[in-house]
Amino acid sequence: MNKVFKCADMGFECKWIAIAKTENELMVLIKDHAAKCHDLKNITKEIATKVKSVIRDQ
């Protein structure tokens, strides 16, 4: 079962969606997107916790 992340679920006006086989693979994609598109170079533990809370199974 794949994992899905929607950037809009974090409160951004962003239509970016990522799908990966595992949460770890998904987090790599999310960190790259956050750095490039939202200027979030450092993902704190608090942000990571919030991100993980909005990841859904597909």
PDB file of N, CA and C in Angstrom:
ATOM      1  N   MET A   1       0.844  -1.177   0.000  1.00  0.00           N
ATOM      2  CA  MET A   1       0.000   0.000   0.000  1.00  0.00           C
ATOM      3  C   MET A   1       0.890   1.242   0.000  1.00  0.00           C
ATOM      4  N   ASN A   2       0.613   2.169  -0.886  1.00  0.00           N
ATOM      5  CA  ASN A   2       1.382   3.404  -0.987  1.00  0.00           C
ATOM      6  C   ASN A   2       0.985   4.408   0.091  1.00  0.00           C
ATOM      7  N   LYS A   3       1.888   5.346   0.328  1.00  0.00           N
ATOM      8  CA  LYS A   3       1.643   6.461   1.239  1.00  0.00           C
ATOM      9  C   LYS A   3       1.480   7.730   0.403  1.00  0.00           C
ATOM     10  N   VAL A   4       0.568   8.605   0.831  1.00  0.00           N
ATOM     11  CA  VAL A   4       0.267   9.825   0.079  1.00  0.00           C
ATOM     12  C   VAL A   4       0.370  11.034   1.006  1.00  0.00           C
ATOM     13  N   PHE A   5       0.979  12.094   0.468  1.00  0.00           N
ATOM     14  CA  PHE A   5       1.082  13.363   1.184  1.00  0.00           C
ATOM     15  C   PHE A   5       0.580  14.472   0.275  1.00  0.00           C
ATOM     16  N   LYS A   6      -0.295  15.309   0.800  1.00  0.00           N
ATOM     17  CA  LYS A   6      -0.786  16.482   0.075  1.00  0.00           C
ATOM     18  C   LYS A   6      -0.296  17.717   0.815  1.00  0.00           C
ATOM     19  N   CYS A   7       0.452  18.527   0.136  1.00  0.00           N
ATOM     20  CA  CYS A   7       1.029  19.721   0.743  1.00  0.00           C
ATOM     21  C   CYS A   7      -0.061  20.631   1.323  1.00  0.00           C
ATOM     22  N   ALA A   8      -1.195  20.694   0.658  1.00  0.00           N
ATOM     23  CA  ALA A   8      -2.299  21.533   1.133  1.00  0.00           C
ATOM     24  C   ALA A   8      -2.776  21.115   2.526  1.00  0.00           C
ATOM     25  N   ASP A   9      -2.593  19.840   2.871  1.00  0.00           N
ATOM     26  CA  ASP A   9      -2.986  19.361   4.203  1.00  0.00           C
ATOM     27  C   ASP A   9      -2.145  19.983   5.316  1.00  0.00           C
ATOM     28  N   MET A  10      -1.035  20.610   4.930  1.00  0.00           N
ATOM     29  CA  MET A  10      -0.173  21.295   5.902  1.00  0.00           C
ATOM     30  C   MET A  10      -0.533  22.775   6.028  1.00  0.00           C
ATOM     31  N   GLY A  11      -1.548  23.204   5.258  1.00  0.00           N
ATOM     32  CA  GLY A  11      -1.981  24.585   5.346  1.00  0.00           C
ATOM     33  C   GLY A  11      -1.431  25.488   4.256  1.00  0.00           C
ATOM     34  N   PHE A  12      -0.646  24.933   3.354  1.00  0.00           N
ATOM     35  CA  PHE A  12      -0.107  25.721   2.249  1.00  0.00           C
ATOM     36  C   PHE A  12      -1.115  25.778   1.116  1.00  0.00           C
ATOM     37  N   GLU A  13      -1.122  26.874   0.382  1.00  0.00           N
ATOM     38  CA  GLU A  13      -1.908  26.943  -0.843  1.00  0.00           C
ATOM     39  C   GLU A  13      -1.049  26.356  -1.957  1.00  0.00           C
ATOM     40  N   CYS A  14      -0.955  25.041  -1.949  1.00  0.00           N
ATOM     41  CA  CYS A  14      -0.048  24.311  -2.828  1.00  0.00           C
ATOM     42  C   CYS A  14      -0.745  23.021  -3.241  1.00  0.00           C
ATOM     43  N   LYS A  15      -0.697  22.720  -4.533  1.00  0.00           N
ATOM     44  CA  LYS A  15      -1.386  21.535  -5.041  1.00  0.00           C
ATOM     45  C   LYS A  15      -0.464  20.330  -5.182  1.00  0.00           C
ATOM     46  N   TRP A  16       0.746  20.422  -4.660  1.00  0.00           N
ATOM     47  CA  TRP A  16       1.724  19.339  -4.790  1.00  0.00           C
ATOM     48  C   TRP A  16       1.281  18.121  -3.993  1.00  0.00           C
ATOM     49  N   ILE A  17       1.391  16.966  -4.615  1.00  0.00           N
ATOM     50  CA  ILE A  17       1.060  15.690  -3.987  1.00  0.00           C
ATOM     51  C   ILE A  17       2.209  14.728  -4.247  1.00  0.00           C
ATOM     52  N   ALA A  18       2.577  13.962  -3.225  1.00  0.00           N
ATOM     53  CA  ALA A  18       3.635  12.966  -3.378  1.00  0.00           C
ATOM     54  C   ALA A  18       3.093  11.605  -2.984  1.00  0.00           C
ATOM     55  N   ILE A  19       3.564  10.585  -3.705  1.00  0.00           N
ATOM     56  CA  ILE A  19       3.185   9.207  -3.431  1.00  0.00           C
ATOM     57  C   ILE A  19       4.461   8.377  -3.415  1.00  0.00           C
ATOM     58  N   ALA A  20       4.587   7.530  -2.399  1.00  0.00           N
ATOM     59  CA  ALA A  20       5.748   6.643  -2.293  1.00  0.00           C
ATOM     60  C   ALA A  20       5.318   5.348  -1.617  1.00  0.00           C
ATOM     61  N   LYS A  21       6.182   4.362  -1.706  1.00  0.00           N
ATOM     62  CA  LYS A  21       5.861   3.059  -1.116  1.00  0.00           C
ATOM     63  C   LYS A  21       5.972   3.060   0.401  1.00  0.00           C
ATOM     64  N   THR A  22       6.907   3.853   0.926  1.00  0.00           N
ATOM     65  CA  THR A  22       7.100   3.884   2.369  1.00  0.00           C
ATOM     66  C   THR A  22       7.084   5.325   2.881  1.00  0.00           C
ATOM     67  N   GLU A  23       6.865   5.460   4.166  1.00  0.00           N
ATOM     68  CA  GLU A  23       6.889   6.792   4.782  1.00  0.00           C
ATOM     69  C   GLU A  23       8.275   7.414   4.658  1.00  0.00           C
ATOM     70  N   ASN A  24       9.323   6.626   4.810  1.00  0.00           N
ATOM     71  CA  ASN A  24      10.685   7.155   4.703  1.00  0.00           C
ATOM     72  C   ASN A  24      10.961   7.701   3.300  1.00  0.00           C
ATOM     73  N   GLU A  25      10.536   6.963   2.266  1.00  0.00           N
ATOM     74  CA  GLU A  25      10.708   7.438   0.898  1.00  0.00           C
ATOM     75  C   GLU A  25       9.915   8.725   0.683  1.00  0.00           C
ATOM     76  N   LEU A  26       8.734   8.770   1.242  1.00  0.00           N
ATOM     77  CA  LEU A  26       7.891   9.945   1.110  1.00  0.00           C
ATOM     78  C   LEU A  26       8.515  11.148   1.795  1.00  0.00           C
ATOM     79  N   MET A  27       9.103  10.955   2.955  1.00  0.00           N
ATOM     80  CA  MET A  27       9.729  12.058   3.687  1.00  0.00           C
ATOM     81  C   MET A  27      10.873  12.676   2.892  1.00  0.00           C
ATOM     82  N   VAL A  28      11.605  11.881   2.147  1.00  0.00           N
ATOM     83  CA  VAL A  28      12.686  12.410   1.303  1.00  0.00           C
ATOM     84  C   VAL A  28      12.100  13.357   0.253  1.00  0.00           C
ATOM     85  N   LEU A  29      11.008  12.934  -0.388  1.00  0.00           N
ATOM     86  CA  LEU A  29      10.361  13.771  -1.398  1.00  0.00           C
ATOM     87  C   LEU A  29       9.810  15.050  -0.774  1.00  0.00           C
ATOM     88  N   ILE A  30       9.209  14.915   0.393  1.00  0.00           N
ATOM     89  CA  ILE A  30       8.618  16.065   1.079  1.00  0.00           C
ATOM     90  C   ILE A  30       9.690  17.076   1.470  1.00  0.00           C
ATOM     91  N   LYS A  31      10.796  16.604   2.015  1.00  0.00           N
ATOM     92  CA  LYS A  31      11.886  17.508   2.412  1.00  0.00           C
ATOM     93  C   LYS A  31      12.434  18.269   1.211  1.00  0.00           C
ATOM     94  N   ASP A  32      12.581  17.585   0.079  1.00  0.00           N
ATOM     95  CA  ASP A  32      13.071  18.233  -1.129  1.00  0.00           C
ATOM     96  C   ASP A  32      12.076  19.300  -1.605  1.00  0.00           C
ATOM     97  N   HIS A  33      10.811  18.964  -1.623  1.00  0.00           N
ATOM     98  CA  HIS A  33       9.773  19.915  -2.028  1.00  0.00           C
ATOM     99  C   HIS A  33       9.730  21.113  -1.081  1.00  0.00           C
ATOM    100  N   ALA A  34       9.774  20.847   0.205  1.00  0.00           N
ATOM    101  CA  ALA A  34       9.705  21.932   1.198  1.00  0.00           C
ATOM    102  C   ALA A  34      10.867  22.907   1.025  1.00  0.00           C
ATOM    103  N   ALA A  35      12.050  22.385   0.740  1.00  0.00           N
ATOM    104  CA  ALA A  35      13.218  23.241   0.553  1.00  0.00           C
ATOM    105  C   ALA A  35      13.114  24.062  -0.725  1.00  0.00           C
ATOM    106  N   LYS A  36      12.705  23.424  -1.807  1.00  0.00           N
ATOM    107  CA  LYS A  36      12.668  24.097  -3.107  1.00  0.00           C
ATOM    108  C   LYS A  36      11.496  25.068  -3.249  1.00  0.00           C
ATOM    109  N   CYS A  37      10.342  24.681  -2.740  1.00  0.00           N
ATOM    110  CA  CYS A  37       9.126  25.460  -3.024  1.00  0.00           C
ATOM    111  C   CYS A  37       8.639  26.316  -1.862  1.00  0.00           C
ATOM    112  N   HIS A  38       9.042  25.982  -0.647  1.00  0.00           N
ATOM    113  CA  HIS A  38       8.543  26.717   0.516  1.00  0.00           C
ATOM    114  C   HIS A  38       9.666  27.297   1.379  1.00  0.00           C
ATOM    115  N   ASP A  39      10.890  27.209   0.875  1.00  0.00           N
ATOM    116  CA  ASP A  39      12.067  27.752   1.555  1.00  0.00           C
ATOM    117  C   ASP A  39      12.208  27.226   2.983  1.00  0.00           C
ATOM    118  N   LEU A  40      11.805  25.975   3.194  1.00  0.00           N
ATOM    119  CA  LEU A  40      11.975  25.316   4.495  1.00  0.00           C
ATOM    120  C   LEU A  40      13.198  24.409   4.404  1.00  0.00           C
ATOM    121  N   LYS A  41      14.331  24.962   4.746  1.00  0.00           N
ATOM    122  CA  LYS A  41      15.585  24.209   4.631  1.00  0.00           C
ATOM    123  C   LYS A  41      15.790  23.243   5.792  1.00  0.00           C
ATOM    124  N   ASN A  42      15.177  23.559   6.936  1.00  0.00           N
ATOM    125  CA  ASN A  42      15.356  22.737   8.130  1.00  0.00           C
ATOM    126  C   ASN A  42      14.001  22.214   8.586  1.00  0.00           C
ATOM    127  N   ILE A  43      13.832  20.905   8.544  1.00  0.00           N
ATOM    128  CA  ILE A  43      12.592  20.282   9.008  1.00  0.00           C
ATOM    129  C   ILE A  43      12.783  19.909  10.481  1.00  0.00           C
ATOM    130  N   THR A  44      12.142  20.647  11.349  1.00  0.00           N
ATOM    131  CA  THR A  44      12.255  20.379  12.788  1.00  0.00           C
ATOM    132  C   THR A  44      11.457  19.133  13.153  1.00  0.00           C
ATOM    133  N   LYS A  45      11.669  18.652  14.362  1.00  0.00           N
ATOM    134  CA  LYS A  45      10.898  17.496  14.840  1.00  0.00           C
ATOM    135  C   LYS A  45       9.409  17.811  14.871  1.00  0.00           C
ATOM    136  N   GLU A  46       9.079  19.045  15.220  1.00  0.00           N
ATOM    137  CA  GLU A  46       7.675  19.442  15.278  1.00  0.00           C
ATOM    138  C   GLU A  46       7.036  19.411  13.886  1.00  0.00           C
ATOM    139  N   ILE A  47       7.756  19.920  12.890  1.00  0.00           N
ATOM    140  CA  ILE A  47       7.242  19.909  11.523  1.00  0.00           C
ATOM    141  C   ILE A  47       7.124  18.467  11.027  1.00  0.00           C
ATOM    142  N   ALA A  48       8.133  17.655  11.289  1.00  0.00           N
ATOM    143  CA  ALA A  48       8.104  16.251  10.863  1.00  0.00           C
ATOM    144  C   ALA A  48       6.924  15.514  11.482  1.00  0.00           C
ATOM    145  N   THR A  49       6.630  15.802  12.732  1.00  0.00           N
ATOM    146  CA  THR A  49       5.489  15.180  13.404  1.00  0.00           C
ATOM    147  C   THR A  49       4.187  15.586  12.729  1.00  0.00           C
ATOM    148  N   LYS A  50       4.052  16.869  12.397  1.00  0.00           N
ATOM    149  CA  LYS A  50       2.867  17.357  11.711  1.00  0.00           C
ATOM    150  C   LYS A  50       2.742  16.726  10.328  1.00  0.00           C
ATOM    151  N   VAL A  51       3.845  16.654   9.598  1.00  0.00           N
ATOM    152  CA  VAL A  51       3.848  16.041   8.274  1.00  0.00           C
ATOM    153  C   VAL A  51       3.374  14.587   8.374  1.00  0.00           C
ATOM    154  N   LYS A  52       3.938  13.851   9.303  1.00  0.00           N
ATOM    155  CA  LYS A  52       3.567  12.436   9.447  1.00  0.00           C
ATOM    156  C   LYS A  52       2.098  12.274   9.824  1.00  0.00           C
ATOM    157  N   SER A  53       1.534  13.256  10.504  1.00  0.00           N
ATOM    158  CA  SER A  53       0.138  13.140  10.911  1.00  0.00           C
ATOM    159  C   SER A  53      -0.837  13.304   9.753  1.00  0.00           C
ATOM    160  N   VAL A  54      -0.381  13.888   8.645  1.00  0.00           N
ATOM    161  CA  VAL A  54      -1.280  14.078   7.491  1.00  0.00           C
ATOM    162  C   VAL A  54      -0.998  13.083   6.350  1.00  0.00           C
ATOM    163  N   ILE A  55      -0.016  12.212   6.520  1.00  0.00           N
ATOM    164  CA  ILE A  55       0.256  11.169   5.528  1.00  0.00           C
ATOM    165  C   ILE A  55      -0.854  10.125   5.606  1.00  0.00           C
ATOM    166  N   ARG A  56      -1.356   9.745   4.459  1.00  0.00           N
ATOM    167  CA  ARG A  56      -2.455   8.783   4.383  1.00  0.00           C
ATOM    168  C   ARG A  56      -2.040   7.568   3.542  1.00  0.00           C
ATOM    169  N   ASP A  57      -2.711   6.457   3.775  1.00  0.00           N
ATOM    170  CA  ASP A  57      -2.542   5.271   2.926  1.00  0.00           C
ATOM    171  C   ASP A  57      -3.370   5.442   1.669  1.00  0.00           C
ATOM    172  N   GLN A  58      -2.841   4.927   0.579  1.00  0.00           N
ATOM    173  CA  GLN A  58      -3.577   5.027  -0.681  1.00  0.00           C
ATOM    174  C   GLN A  58      -4.228   3.711  -1.001  1.00  0.00           C
TER     175      GLN A  58
END
